[in-house]
Structure formats: structure tokens, C-alpha cells
Amino acid sequence: MKKLLILFGLVALAGTAAQADEQDTVKRSAEILREFRSMPEHQVPRAVLRNARGLAIMRVVKVGFVFSGKGGDGVVIARTGNGWSGPSFIGTGGAGWGLQIGGQVTDFVFVLNNRDAIRAFSRGGNVTLGGDVSAAAGPVGRDVQANVTPKAAVYTYSLSKGLFAGVSLEGAVIATEKGKNEHYYGRSVTASQILNGKAVVPPGSAALRNAAGG
């Protein structure tokens, strides 16, 4: 019983982290993106980022002791005629069963390679990776060239911290956080309006858009 109470407490903490203040989420997402761009041997190639139509950045917390649970949040941004859009907030969560002990924090960067991927995140509902959009592990390395047609609508990258290994969000459902969007923009605004550049970009997102590059 004590172990179950500890588990539920950890899951509650994960849920609390997923409800972080919107500006904190934007700041954290910028930091994650800079980290993925700077890893010496396994960085996201510049060519991949240069050709990206959009980026989704998330931090997912997973805990487990027989039962397992996960929760996470982040943002998605898209290229527009005036540079990068402001952030549209996204989240994921779930529970499972398995012989798992420990905790894990995993940062994800999803490179959205085409308009289909952007449209999937613009609907304002749920996106299933590998279902609504094709997804594949992205190429890595400083000198990798990405001049060929991408193999999937979404390239996935992850960096894990903790006891679990080999984490993937394949098949995971990523939801638009409509309430967070409205709170951050100060009015009712849709994911489509944000990602298509029809919403005024908040000044607080400048660091994130700079981290995304040109």
C-alpha cells in the first residue's frame, strides 16, 4: 500500500509539472531546443532544422512501480510568411501496467517536415504519432545533409534522463491545450490561427523563436 501511495504521489507531481505556467513552458522549450542543436555527436542536423515547416518540443515525466504513468507538456511552432509563429500549447498523458521501477524525464523534439504535419497540429484536437501523421527517428550528426525528401512527416528526437531507457512516443496522443492558448494569448484563439500566423506573436516567445533559427 505504501508503494502505491508513493506511486500516486509521483504521478500527481508529474501532473503538476505538466500544468506549469505557460511562460515557463515556453522558456523551457527554448532551452530544450538549444540543447538538441548543440549536442556534439547527436545534434539535430542544421539542414533538417532549416527545412522544417514546424517544431514541437515537449518534456514528458514518467514514473512507475508495477503501474506506470506519464504526463508532459510543451509547445508547437510553425513557419509563416513572417517567420516563426507564436507557440501553441500541447500536452500528453497516460497510464499503463508493467514491471517498471523508477522515474524518467525525457525531452522530445519533433521536426514537422511538411504541411500535413502542420495541419495535424492545427486542428485543435488530438494528434496520434504514427497514426494521423507518419513518424520516424530523425537523422543525427553535425554533417548530415537533408536535401532529399524526408522519410516521414515527423522526425522524432529524444533525450532521456533517469532510469528508464528507449522511450518513444510512437502511438502517443498529443492534445492541443486550448485553455493554455487562451490564457497565454489573453483571448480566445485557435491552434490554426496561431500556427498560420494569424495571432499576434507574444513578446515572451522571442527566445523560443530565436532558438528555432532561420
N, C-alpha and C. Protein backbone atom coordinates (compact mmCIF):
# COMPACT_ATOMS: atom_id res chain seq x y z
N MET A 1 0.83 -1.20 0.00
CA MET A 1 0.00 0.00 0.00
C MET A 1 0.87 1.26 0.00
N LYS A 2 1.94 1.24 0.82
CA LYS A 2 2.81 2.40 0.88
C LYS A 2 3.43 2.69 -0.48
N LYS A 3 3.81 1.62 -1.20
CA LYS A 3 4.42 1.80 -2.51
C LYS A 3 3.43 2.40 -3.50
N LEU A 4 2.17 1.97 -3.40
CA LEU A 4 1.14 2.53 -4.28
C LEU A 4 0.92 4.00 -3.98
N LEU A 5 0.93 4.36 -2.69
CA LEU A 5 0.76 5.76 -2.34
C LEU A 5 1.91 6.60 -2.86
N ILE A 6 3.12 6.05 -2.79
CA ILE A 6 4.28 6.76 -3.34
C ILE A 6 4.11 6.96 -4.83
N LEU A 7 3.66 5.89 -5.51
CA LEU A 7 3.44 5.98 -6.96
C LEU A 7 2.44 7.06 -7.30
N PHE A 8 1.30 7.04 -6.61
CA PHE A 8 0.26 8.03 -6.92
C PHE A 8 0.77 9.44 -6.63
N GLY A 9 1.61 9.58 -5.60
CA GLY A 9 2.18 10.89 -5.33
C GLY A 9 3.10 11.35 -6.44
N LEU A 10 3.90 10.42 -6.98
CA LEU A 10 4.79 10.77 -8.08
C LEU A 10 4.01 11.13 -9.33
N VAL A 11 2.94 10.37 -9.60
CA VAL A 11 2.10 10.70 -10.76
C VAL A 11 1.48 12.07 -10.59
N ALA A 12 1.06 12.39 -9.37
CA ALA A 12 0.49 13.72 -9.12
C ALA A 12 1.52 14.80 -9.37
N LEU A 13 2.78 14.54 -8.97
CA LEU A 13 3.83 15.51 -9.24
C LEU A 13 4.05 15.68 -10.72
N ALA A 14 4.00 14.56 -11.46
CA ALA A 14 4.15 14.65 -12.91
C ALA A 14 3.03 15.49 -13.51
N GLY A 15 1.81 15.30 -12.99
CA GLY A 15 0.69 16.09 -13.49
C GLY A 15 0.85 17.56 -13.18
N THR A 16 1.39 17.85 -12.00
CA THR A 16 1.64 19.24 -11.64
C THR A 16 2.66 19.87 -12.57
N ALA A 17 3.72 19.11 -12.90
CA ALA A 17 4.73 19.62 -13.82
C ALA A 17 4.13 19.91 -15.17
N ALA A 18 3.18 19.06 -15.59
CA ALA A 18 2.55 19.24 -16.89
C ALA A 18 1.68 20.49 -16.93
N GLN A 19 1.31 21.01 -15.74
CA GLN A 19 0.46 22.19 -15.69
C GLN A 19 1.28 23.45 -15.40
N ALA A 20 2.56 23.41 -15.72
CA ALA A 20 3.44 24.54 -15.44
C ALA A 20 2.93 25.81 -16.11
N ASP A 21 3.32 26.93 -15.54
CA ASP A 21 2.97 28.22 -16.10
C ASP A 21 3.39 28.29 -17.56
N GLU A 22 2.54 28.89 -18.39
CA GLU A 22 2.78 28.89 -19.83
C GLU A 22 4.12 29.51 -20.21
N GLN A 23 4.46 30.63 -19.59
CA GLN A 23 5.73 31.26 -19.94
C GLN A 23 6.92 30.38 -19.53
N ASP A 24 6.79 29.68 -18.41
CA ASP A 24 7.84 28.75 -18.01
C ASP A 24 7.99 27.64 -19.04
N THR A 25 6.87 27.17 -19.58
CA THR A 25 6.90 26.13 -20.60
C THR A 25 7.59 26.63 -21.86
N VAL A 26 7.29 27.85 -22.25
CA VAL A 26 7.93 28.44 -23.43
C VAL A 26 9.44 28.57 -23.21
N LYS A 27 9.83 29.06 -22.05
CA LYS A 27 11.26 29.21 -21.74
C LYS A 27 11.96 27.86 -21.73
N ARG A 28 11.34 26.87 -21.09
CA ARG A 28 11.92 25.53 -21.04
C ARG A 28 12.05 24.93 -22.43
N SER A 29 11.06 25.15 -23.27
CA SER A 29 11.09 24.61 -24.64
C SER A 29 12.25 25.21 -25.42
N ALA A 30 12.52 26.49 -25.23
CA ALA A 30 13.65 27.12 -25.89
C ALA A 30 14.96 26.50 -25.43
N GLU A 31 15.07 26.23 -24.14
CA GLU A 31 16.28 25.61 -23.60
C GLU A 31 16.47 24.20 -24.15
N ILE A 32 15.38 23.43 -24.25
CA ILE A 32 15.46 22.08 -24.81
C ILE A 32 15.93 22.14 -26.25
N LEU A 33 15.36 23.04 -27.02
CA LEU A 33 15.72 23.14 -28.43
C LEU A 33 17.18 23.52 -28.60
N ARG A 34 17.68 24.45 -27.79
CA ARG A 34 19.09 24.81 -27.86
C ARG A 34 19.99 23.62 -27.52
N GLU A 35 19.55 22.81 -26.55
CA GLU A 35 20.34 21.64 -26.16
C GLU A 35 20.41 20.63 -27.31
N PHE A 36 19.30 20.40 -27.97
CA PHE A 36 19.28 19.45 -29.08
C PHE A 36 20.12 19.94 -30.26
N ARG A 37 20.22 21.24 -30.39
CA ARG A 37 21.01 21.79 -31.50
C ARG A 37 22.50 21.75 -31.23
N SER A 38 22.88 21.63 -29.97
CA SER A 38 24.29 21.78 -29.62
C SER A 38 24.99 20.50 -29.22
N MET A 39 24.27 19.37 -29.14
CA MET A 39 24.92 18.12 -28.76
C MET A 39 25.99 17.77 -29.79
N PRO A 40 27.23 17.50 -29.35
CA PRO A 40 28.35 17.34 -30.30
C PRO A 40 28.15 16.26 -31.36
N GLU A 41 27.76 15.06 -30.94
CA GLU A 41 27.71 13.94 -31.88
C GLU A 41 26.30 13.59 -32.33
N HIS A 42 25.31 14.00 -31.56
CA HIS A 42 23.95 13.56 -31.85
C HIS A 42 22.98 14.74 -32.01
N GLN A 43 23.49 15.86 -32.44
CA GLN A 43 22.64 17.03 -32.59
C GLN A 43 21.68 16.87 -33.77
N VAL A 44 20.58 17.61 -33.70
CA VAL A 44 19.67 17.66 -34.85
C VAL A 44 20.40 18.41 -35.97
N PRO A 45 20.56 17.81 -37.13
CA PRO A 45 21.33 18.46 -38.21
C PRO A 45 20.74 19.81 -38.60
N ARG A 46 21.62 20.75 -38.89
CA ARG A 46 21.17 22.09 -39.28
C ARG A 46 20.28 22.03 -40.51
N ALA A 47 20.61 21.13 -41.46
CA ALA A 47 19.82 21.03 -42.68
C ALA A 47 18.39 20.59 -42.38
N VAL A 48 18.21 19.70 -41.40
CA VAL A 48 16.87 19.26 -41.01
C VAL A 48 16.08 20.41 -40.44
N LEU A 49 16.71 21.19 -39.57
CA LEU A 49 16.02 22.33 -38.97
C LEU A 49 15.75 23.42 -40.00
N ARG A 50 16.67 23.61 -40.91
CA ARG A 50 16.50 24.64 -41.94
C ARG A 50 15.31 24.34 -42.84
N ASN A 51 15.06 23.06 -43.09
CA ASN A 51 13.96 22.67 -43.97
C ASN A 51 12.65 22.39 -43.23
N ALA A 52 12.67 22.50 -41.90
CA ALA A 52 11.48 22.18 -41.11
C ALA A 52 10.36 23.18 -41.37
N ARG A 53 9.15 22.66 -41.45
CA ARG A 53 7.97 23.54 -41.55
C ARG A 53 7.43 23.90 -40.18
N GLY A 54 7.81 23.10 -39.18
CA GLY A 54 7.38 23.37 -37.82
C GLY A 54 8.18 22.54 -36.84
N LEU A 55 8.05 22.87 -35.54
CA LEU A 55 8.73 22.15 -34.48
C LEU A 55 7.79 21.97 -33.30
N ALA A 56 7.81 20.80 -32.71
CA ALA A 56 7.08 20.55 -31.46
C ALA A 56 8.11 20.12 -30.43
N ILE A 57 8.05 20.74 -29.26
CA ILE A 57 9.01 20.46 -28.19
C ILE A 57 8.23 20.09 -26.95
N MET A 58 8.60 18.97 -26.31
CA MET A 58 7.88 18.51 -25.13
C MET A 58 8.85 17.95 -24.09
N ARG A 59 8.45 18.04 -22.84
CA ARG A 59 9.09 17.30 -21.75
C ARG A 59 8.06 16.36 -21.15
N VAL A 60 8.40 15.08 -21.07
CA VAL A 60 7.49 14.07 -20.55
C VAL A 60 8.10 13.44 -19.32
N VAL A 61 7.32 13.38 -18.24
CA VAL A 61 7.74 12.75 -16.99
C VAL A 61 7.01 11.43 -16.86
N LYS A 62 7.77 10.36 -16.63
CA LYS A 62 7.19 9.04 -16.47
C LYS A 62 7.66 8.43 -15.17
N VAL A 63 6.73 7.86 -14.41
CA VAL A 63 7.06 7.19 -13.15
C VAL A 63 6.41 5.83 -13.14
N GLY A 64 6.98 4.89 -12.39
CA GLY A 64 6.38 3.56 -12.39
C GLY A 64 6.83 2.70 -11.22
N PHE A 65 5.90 1.91 -10.72
CA PHE A 65 6.19 0.81 -9.80
C PHE A 65 5.06 -0.18 -10.02
N VAL A 66 5.27 -1.14 -10.89
CA VAL A 66 4.25 -2.06 -11.39
C VAL A 66 3.28 -1.28 -12.28
N PHE A 67 2.52 -0.34 -11.69
CA PHE A 67 1.76 0.59 -12.51
C PHE A 67 2.72 1.64 -13.05
N SER A 68 2.35 2.27 -14.14
CA SER A 68 3.17 3.36 -14.65
C SER A 68 2.26 4.48 -15.12
N GLY A 69 2.78 5.68 -15.07
CA GLY A 69 2.02 6.83 -15.55
C GLY A 69 2.96 7.85 -16.14
N LYS A 70 2.44 8.66 -17.05
CA LYS A 70 3.28 9.69 -17.64
C LYS A 70 2.44 10.92 -17.91
N GLY A 71 3.09 12.05 -17.91
CA GLY A 71 2.43 13.30 -18.24
C GLY A 71 3.46 14.28 -18.76
N GLY A 72 3.07 15.12 -19.67
CA GLY A 72 4.03 16.07 -20.21
C GLY A 72 3.34 17.20 -20.95
N ASP A 73 4.11 18.24 -21.20
CA ASP A 73 3.57 19.37 -21.93
C ASP A 73 4.68 20.04 -22.73
N GLY A 74 4.28 20.94 -23.59
CA GLY A 74 5.23 21.65 -24.42
C GLY A 74 4.51 22.56 -25.39
N VAL A 75 5.17 22.85 -26.49
CA VAL A 75 4.61 23.79 -27.47
C VAL A 75 4.92 23.30 -28.88
N VAL A 76 4.18 23.83 -29.83
CA VAL A 76 4.47 23.63 -31.24
C VAL A 76 4.47 24.99 -31.91
N ILE A 77 5.42 25.20 -32.82
CA ILE A 77 5.51 26.44 -33.59
C ILE A 77 5.63 26.08 -35.06
N ALA A 78 5.28 27.02 -35.93
CA ALA A 78 5.32 26.75 -37.38
C ALA A 78 5.87 27.96 -38.11
N ARG A 79 6.46 27.70 -39.26
CA ARG A 79 6.93 28.80 -40.10
C ARG A 79 5.74 29.48 -40.77
N THR A 80 5.80 30.80 -40.82
CA THR A 80 4.77 31.58 -41.51
C THR A 80 5.48 32.53 -42.47
N GLY A 81 4.71 33.33 -43.16
CA GLY A 81 5.30 34.31 -44.07
C GLY A 81 6.10 35.38 -43.35
N ASN A 82 5.92 35.48 -42.03
CA ASN A 82 6.63 36.48 -41.23
C ASN A 82 7.56 35.85 -40.20
N GLY A 83 8.10 34.68 -40.51
CA GLY A 83 8.97 33.99 -39.57
C GLY A 83 8.20 32.96 -38.77
N TRP A 84 8.74 32.60 -37.60
CA TRP A 84 8.09 31.60 -36.78
C TRP A 84 6.84 32.15 -36.10
N SER A 85 5.84 31.29 -35.99
CA SER A 85 4.62 31.66 -35.28
C SER A 85 4.87 31.71 -33.79
N GLY A 86 3.87 32.19 -33.08
CA GLY A 86 3.89 32.04 -31.63
C GLY A 86 3.63 30.59 -31.26
N PRO A 87 3.77 30.24 -29.98
CA PRO A 87 3.60 28.85 -29.56
C PRO A 87 2.14 28.46 -29.35
N SER A 88 1.81 27.26 -29.80
CA SER A 88 0.53 26.64 -29.46
C SER A 88 0.84 25.53 -28.46
N PHE A 89 0.14 25.50 -27.35
CA PHE A 89 0.49 24.59 -26.26
C PHE A 89 -0.10 23.20 -26.48
N ILE A 90 0.70 22.19 -26.14
CA ILE A 90 0.30 20.80 -26.33
C ILE A 90 0.62 20.02 -25.06
N GLY A 91 -0.03 18.86 -24.92
CA GLY A 91 0.22 18.01 -23.75
C GLY A 91 -0.07 16.56 -24.08
N THR A 92 0.44 15.68 -23.24
CA THR A 92 0.19 14.26 -23.40
C THR A 92 0.13 13.63 -22.02
N GLY A 93 -0.46 12.45 -21.93
CA GLY A 93 -0.57 11.75 -20.66
C GLY A 93 -1.04 10.34 -20.89
N GLY A 94 -0.96 9.53 -19.84
CA GLY A 94 -1.41 8.15 -19.98
C GLY A 94 -0.99 7.32 -18.79
N ALA A 95 -1.49 6.09 -18.76
CA ALA A 95 -1.18 5.15 -17.69
C ALA A 95 -0.99 3.78 -18.29
N GLY A 96 -0.25 2.94 -17.60
CA GLY A 96 -0.01 1.60 -18.12
C GLY A 96 0.24 0.61 -17.01
N TRP A 97 0.64 -0.60 -17.39
CA TRP A 97 0.89 -1.67 -16.44
C TRP A 97 2.14 -2.39 -16.89
N GLY A 98 3.06 -2.65 -15.98
CA GLY A 98 4.26 -3.37 -16.36
C GLY A 98 5.25 -3.42 -15.21
N LEU A 99 6.23 -4.26 -15.32
CA LEU A 99 7.24 -4.40 -14.27
C LEU A 99 8.27 -3.30 -14.41
N GLN A 100 7.88 -2.12 -13.99
CA GLN A 100 8.73 -0.94 -14.15
C GLN A 100 8.93 -0.28 -12.80
N ILE A 101 10.18 0.01 -12.48
CA ILE A 101 10.50 0.67 -11.23
C ILE A 101 11.41 1.86 -11.55
N GLY A 102 11.05 3.02 -11.06
CA GLY A 102 11.91 4.16 -11.28
C GLY A 102 11.17 5.34 -11.87
N GLY A 103 11.93 6.33 -12.28
CA GLY A 103 11.36 7.53 -12.86
C GLY A 103 12.20 8.01 -14.02
N GLN A 104 11.63 8.81 -14.87
CA GLN A 104 12.34 9.25 -16.06
C GLN A 104 11.79 10.58 -16.53
N VAL A 105 12.69 11.43 -16.96
CA VAL A 105 12.32 12.66 -17.63
C VAL A 105 12.90 12.59 -19.04
N THR A 106 12.07 12.78 -20.04
CA THR A 106 12.51 12.71 -21.43
C THR A 106 12.10 13.97 -22.16
N ASP A 107 13.07 14.58 -22.82
CA ASP A 107 12.79 15.74 -23.66
C ASP A 107 12.66 15.27 -25.10
N PHE A 108 11.66 15.78 -25.79
CA PHE A 108 11.41 15.42 -27.18
C PHE A 108 11.42 16.66 -28.06
N VAL A 109 11.98 16.51 -29.25
CA VAL A 109 11.83 17.50 -30.30
C VAL A 109 11.27 16.76 -31.52
N PHE A 110 10.15 17.23 -32.03
CA PHE A 110 9.55 16.67 -33.23
C PHE A 110 9.70 17.69 -34.35
N VAL A 111 10.37 17.30 -35.40
CA VAL A 111 10.53 18.16 -36.57
C VAL A 111 9.38 17.88 -37.53
N LEU A 112 8.58 18.89 -37.80
CA LEU A 112 7.42 18.74 -38.69
C LEU A 112 7.89 19.09 -40.10
N ASN A 113 7.92 18.07 -40.96
CA ASN A 113 8.58 18.21 -42.26
C ASN A 113 7.71 18.72 -43.38
N ASN A 114 6.38 18.69 -43.22
CA ASN A 114 5.52 19.11 -44.33
C ASN A 114 4.23 19.73 -43.80
N ARG A 115 3.43 20.21 -44.73
CA ARG A 115 2.19 20.88 -44.36
C ARG A 115 1.18 19.93 -43.73
N ASP A 116 1.23 18.64 -44.09
CA ASP A 116 0.32 17.67 -43.47
C ASP A 116 0.57 17.62 -41.96
N ALA A 117 1.84 17.64 -41.57
CA ALA A 117 2.16 17.62 -40.15
C ALA A 117 1.66 18.89 -39.46
N ILE A 118 1.84 20.03 -40.11
CA ILE A 118 1.34 21.29 -39.55
C ILE A 118 -0.17 21.26 -39.40
N ARG A 119 -0.85 20.76 -40.43
CA ARG A 119 -2.32 20.69 -40.37
C ARG A 119 -2.78 19.79 -39.24
N ALA A 120 -2.06 18.70 -38.99
CA ALA A 120 -2.45 17.79 -37.92
C ALA A 120 -2.43 18.49 -36.57
N PHE A 121 -1.44 19.35 -36.35
CA PHE A 121 -1.35 20.07 -35.09
C PHE A 121 -2.21 21.33 -35.08
N SER A 122 -2.76 21.71 -36.24
CA SER A 122 -3.57 22.92 -36.33
C SER A 122 -5.05 22.66 -36.09
N ARG A 123 -5.44 21.40 -36.06
CA ARG A 123 -6.88 21.08 -35.94
C ARG A 123 -7.45 21.43 -34.58
N GLY A 124 -6.58 21.54 -33.58
CA GLY A 124 -7.07 21.89 -32.25
C GLY A 124 -7.59 20.72 -31.47
N GLY A 125 -7.33 19.51 -31.94
CA GLY A 125 -7.76 18.31 -31.22
C GLY A 125 -6.56 17.47 -30.83
N ASN A 126 -6.67 16.17 -31.14
CA ASN A 126 -5.60 15.24 -30.80
C ASN A 126 -4.83 14.81 -32.04
N VAL A 127 -3.54 14.58 -31.87
CA VAL A 127 -2.68 14.07 -32.92
C VAL A 127 -2.05 12.78 -32.44
N THR A 128 -2.16 11.72 -33.23
CA THR A 128 -1.52 10.45 -32.89
C THR A 128 -0.32 10.24 -33.78
N LEU A 129 0.86 10.17 -33.16
CA LEU A 129 2.08 9.96 -33.92
C LEU A 129 2.10 8.54 -34.48
N GLY A 130 2.38 8.44 -35.76
CA GLY A 130 2.35 7.14 -36.42
C GLY A 130 0.96 6.77 -36.90
N GLY A 131 -0.05 7.57 -36.52
CA GLY A 131 -1.42 7.33 -36.96
C GLY A 131 -1.89 8.46 -37.85
N ASP A 132 -2.11 9.65 -37.25
CA ASP A 132 -2.53 10.81 -38.03
C ASP A 132 -1.40 11.31 -38.93
N VAL A 133 -0.17 11.16 -38.47
CA VAL A 133 1.00 11.56 -39.27
C VAL A 133 2.06 10.48 -39.15
N SER A 134 2.78 10.24 -40.23
CA SER A 134 3.87 9.28 -40.18
C SER A 134 5.02 9.85 -39.36
N ALA A 135 5.71 8.99 -38.62
CA ALA A 135 6.81 9.43 -37.77
C ALA A 135 7.96 8.45 -37.87
N ALA A 136 9.17 8.99 -37.79
CA ALA A 136 10.37 8.16 -37.85
C ALA A 136 11.48 8.85 -37.07
N ALA A 137 12.42 8.06 -36.56
CA ALA A 137 13.58 8.63 -35.88
C ALA A 137 14.35 9.49 -36.87
N GLY A 138 14.68 10.70 -36.46
CA GLY A 138 15.37 11.63 -37.36
C GLY A 138 16.85 11.36 -37.45
N PRO A 139 17.47 11.78 -38.55
CA PRO A 139 18.92 11.65 -38.69
C PRO A 139 19.63 12.56 -37.70
N VAL A 140 20.85 12.19 -37.32
CA VAL A 140 21.61 12.98 -36.36
C VAL A 140 23.02 13.21 -36.89
N GLY A 141 23.66 14.23 -36.34
CA GLY A 141 25.05 14.49 -36.70
C GLY A 141 25.24 15.86 -37.31
N ARG A 142 26.38 16.45 -37.01
CA ARG A 142 26.68 17.80 -37.46
C ARG A 142 26.72 17.91 -38.98
N ASP A 143 27.24 16.88 -39.64
CA ASP A 143 27.50 16.98 -41.08
C ASP A 143 26.44 16.30 -41.94
N VAL A 144 25.35 15.84 -41.32
CA VAL A 144 24.31 15.17 -42.09
C VAL A 144 23.62 16.17 -43.01
N GLN A 145 23.45 15.79 -44.25
CA GLN A 145 22.74 16.62 -45.20
C GLN A 145 21.30 16.10 -45.34
N ALA A 146 20.35 16.99 -45.50
CA ALA A 146 18.94 16.58 -45.59
C ALA A 146 18.31 17.22 -46.82
N ASN A 147 18.98 17.10 -47.94
CA ASN A 147 18.46 17.70 -49.17
C ASN A 147 17.46 16.80 -49.88
N VAL A 148 17.35 15.55 -49.41
CA VAL A 148 16.40 14.63 -50.02
C VAL A 148 15.05 14.77 -49.34
N THR A 149 14.03 14.23 -49.97
CA THR A 149 12.69 14.28 -49.39
C THR A 149 12.67 13.52 -48.07
N PRO A 150 12.16 14.13 -46.99
CA PRO A 150 12.11 13.44 -45.70
C PRO A 150 11.34 12.12 -45.79
N LYS A 151 11.75 11.16 -44.98
CA LYS A 151 11.14 9.84 -45.00
C LYS A 151 9.82 9.79 -44.26
N ALA A 152 9.52 10.79 -43.46
CA ALA A 152 8.29 10.81 -42.69
C ALA A 152 7.85 12.25 -42.49
N ALA A 153 6.55 12.42 -42.20
CA ALA A 153 6.03 13.76 -41.95
C ALA A 153 6.64 14.36 -40.70
N VAL A 154 7.00 13.51 -39.75
CA VAL A 154 7.58 13.97 -38.49
C VAL A 154 8.86 13.19 -38.20
N TYR A 155 9.94 13.91 -37.92
CA TYR A 155 11.16 13.31 -37.41
C TYR A 155 11.16 13.46 -35.89
N THR A 156 11.45 12.38 -35.17
CA THR A 156 11.43 12.43 -33.72
C THR A 156 12.84 12.33 -33.15
N TYR A 157 13.08 13.12 -32.11
CA TYR A 157 14.34 13.10 -31.38
C TYR A 157 14.02 13.09 -29.89
N SER A 158 14.81 12.34 -29.10
CA SER A 158 14.54 12.30 -27.67
C SER A 158 15.85 12.21 -26.89
N LEU A 159 15.80 12.74 -25.67
CA LEU A 159 16.94 12.69 -24.76
C LEU A 159 16.38 12.35 -23.39
N SER A 160 16.79 11.18 -22.85
CA SER A 160 16.23 10.68 -21.61
C SER A 160 17.15 10.93 -20.43
N LYS A 161 16.52 11.17 -19.29
CA LYS A 161 17.25 11.36 -18.04
C LYS A 161 16.54 10.53 -16.97
N GLY A 162 17.22 9.62 -16.34
CA GLY A 162 16.58 8.80 -15.33
C GLY A 162 16.89 7.34 -15.50
N LEU A 163 15.98 6.48 -15.06
CA LEU A 163 16.25 5.05 -15.02
C LEU A 163 15.69 4.28 -16.20
N PHE A 164 14.67 4.79 -16.84
CA PHE A 164 14.13 4.10 -18.00
C PHE A 164 15.00 4.39 -19.22
N ALA A 165 14.91 3.55 -20.23
CA ALA A 165 15.67 3.76 -21.46
C ALA A 165 14.79 3.42 -22.65
N GLY A 166 15.16 3.93 -23.80
CA GLY A 166 14.45 3.59 -25.03
C GLY A 166 13.03 4.12 -25.10
N VAL A 167 12.79 5.27 -24.53
CA VAL A 167 11.44 5.82 -24.52
C VAL A 167 11.04 6.30 -25.91
N SER A 168 9.81 6.04 -26.29
CA SER A 168 9.29 6.51 -27.57
C SER A 168 7.86 6.99 -27.37
N LEU A 169 7.45 7.98 -28.14
CA LEU A 169 6.06 8.42 -28.12
C LEU A 169 5.29 7.91 -29.33
N GLU A 170 5.82 6.87 -30.00
CA GLU A 170 5.12 6.27 -31.13
C GLU A 170 3.74 5.80 -30.66
N GLY A 171 2.70 6.24 -31.32
CA GLY A 171 1.34 5.89 -30.95
C GLY A 171 0.75 6.76 -29.86
N ALA A 172 1.55 7.66 -29.30
CA ALA A 172 1.05 8.53 -28.24
C ALA A 172 0.10 9.57 -28.81
N VAL A 173 -0.84 9.98 -27.99
CA VAL A 173 -1.80 11.01 -28.37
C VAL A 173 -1.34 12.34 -27.79
N ILE A 174 -1.14 13.31 -28.65
CA ILE A 174 -0.73 14.66 -28.24
C ILE A 174 -1.92 15.59 -28.46
N ALA A 175 -2.33 16.28 -27.41
CA ALA A 175 -3.53 17.11 -27.46
C ALA A 175 -3.20 18.58 -27.42
N THR A 176 -3.98 19.38 -28.13
CA THR A 176 -3.87 20.84 -28.03
C THR A 176 -4.42 21.30 -26.69
N GLU A 177 -3.67 22.14 -25.99
CA GLU A 177 -4.10 22.68 -24.70
C GLU A 177 -4.81 24.01 -24.95
N LYS A 178 -6.10 23.94 -25.25
CA LYS A 178 -6.85 25.12 -25.65
C LYS A 178 -6.89 26.17 -24.54
N GLY A 179 -7.05 25.72 -23.30
CA GLY A 179 -7.11 26.66 -22.19
C GLY A 179 -5.81 27.42 -22.01
N LYS A 180 -4.70 26.73 -22.18
CA LYS A 180 -3.40 27.39 -22.07
C LYS A 180 -3.20 28.40 -23.19
N ASN A 181 -3.65 28.05 -24.39
CA ASN A 181 -3.55 29.00 -25.50
C ASN A 181 -4.32 30.28 -25.19
N GLU A 182 -5.53 30.12 -24.71
CA GLU A 182 -6.35 31.29 -24.41
C GLU A 182 -5.73 32.13 -23.29
N HIS A 183 -5.18 31.46 -22.30
CA HIS A 183 -4.58 32.19 -21.18
C HIS A 183 -3.33 32.93 -21.62
N TYR A 184 -2.50 32.29 -22.45
CA TYR A 184 -1.24 32.89 -22.87
C TYR A 184 -1.46 34.07 -23.81
N TYR A 185 -2.45 33.94 -24.70
CA TYR A 185 -2.71 34.99 -25.69
C TYR A 185 -3.71 36.03 -25.19
N GLY A 186 -4.34 35.75 -24.05
CA GLY A 186 -5.25 36.72 -23.46
C GLY A 186 -6.58 36.82 -24.17
N ARG A 187 -6.90 35.88 -25.01
CA ARG A 187 -8.19 35.88 -25.72
C ARG A 187 -8.43 34.50 -26.30
N SER A 188 -9.61 34.29 -26.82
CA SER A 188 -9.92 33.02 -27.47
C SER A 188 -9.17 32.94 -28.79
N VAL A 189 -8.34 31.92 -28.94
CA VAL A 189 -7.53 31.78 -30.15
C VAL A 189 -7.37 30.28 -30.43
N THR A 190 -7.40 29.92 -31.70
CA THR A 190 -7.30 28.51 -32.06
C THR A 190 -5.86 28.16 -32.44
N ALA A 191 -5.57 26.86 -32.39
CA ALA A 191 -4.24 26.40 -32.82
C ALA A 191 -4.00 26.76 -34.28
N SER A 192 -5.04 26.70 -35.10
CA SER A 192 -4.90 27.03 -36.51
C SER A 192 -4.51 28.50 -36.69
N GLN A 193 -5.15 29.39 -35.95
CA GLN A 193 -4.82 30.80 -36.05
C GLN A 193 -3.37 31.05 -35.61
N ILE A 194 -2.95 30.38 -34.55
CA ILE A 194 -1.58 30.57 -34.07
C ILE A 194 -0.57 30.08 -35.10
N LEU A 195 -0.73 28.84 -35.57
CA LEU A 195 0.27 28.22 -36.43
C LEU A 195 0.24 28.75 -37.85
N ASN A 196 -0.82 29.43 -38.23
CA ASN A 196 -0.88 30.04 -39.55
C ASN A 196 -0.53 31.53 -39.51
N GLY A 197 -0.03 32.00 -38.36
CA GLY A 197 0.43 33.37 -38.26
C GLY A 197 -0.67 34.40 -38.17
N LYS A 198 -1.88 33.99 -37.77
CA LYS A 198 -2.99 34.92 -37.68
C LYS A 198 -3.23 35.43 -36.26
N ALA A 199 -2.35 35.03 -35.34
CA ALA A 199 -2.43 35.52 -33.96
C ALA A 199 -1.18 36.35 -33.68
N VAL A 200 -1.36 37.45 -32.98
CA VAL A 200 -0.22 38.30 -32.63
C VAL A 200 0.76 37.50 -31.79
N VAL A 201 2.03 37.52 -32.19
CA VAL A 201 3.05 36.74 -31.50
C VAL A 201 3.41 37.41 -30.17
N PRO A 202 3.25 36.72 -29.05
CA PRO A 202 3.58 37.33 -27.76
C PRO A 202 5.08 37.60 -27.64
N PRO A 203 5.47 38.74 -27.07
CA PRO A 203 6.90 39.06 -26.92
C PRO A 203 7.67 38.00 -26.13
N GLY A 204 6.98 37.34 -25.20
CA GLY A 204 7.64 36.34 -24.36
C GLY A 204 8.11 35.11 -25.10
N SER A 205 7.72 34.97 -26.36
CA SER A 205 8.12 33.79 -27.13
C SER A 205 9.36 34.06 -27.99
N ALA A 206 9.97 35.24 -27.85
CA ALA A 206 11.10 35.60 -28.70
C ALA A 206 12.27 34.63 -28.57
N ALA A 207 12.59 34.22 -27.33
CA ALA A 207 13.72 33.31 -27.12
C ALA A 207 13.47 31.97 -27.81
N LEU A 208 12.24 31.49 -27.78
CA LEU A 208 11.90 30.22 -28.43
C LEU A 208 12.07 30.33 -29.94
N ARG A 209 11.56 31.43 -30.52
CA ARG A 209 11.65 31.59 -31.97
C ARG A 209 13.10 31.79 -32.40
N ASN A 210 13.89 32.45 -31.57
CA ASN A 210 15.30 32.60 -31.87
C ASN A 210 16.02 31.26 -31.82
N ALA A 211 15.65 30.42 -30.86
CA ALA A 211 16.26 29.10 -30.73
C ALA A 211 15.93 28.23 -31.94
N ALA A 212 14.76 28.45 -32.54
CA ALA A 212 14.38 27.69 -33.73
C ALA A 212 15.23 28.07 -34.95
N GLY A 213 15.76 29.27 -34.96
CA GLY A 213 16.63 29.69 -36.05
C GLY A 213 15.86 30.17 -37.26
N GLY A 214 16.64 30.43 -38.34
CA GLY A 214 16.02 30.98 -39.54
C GLY A 214 15.38 29.93 -40.42
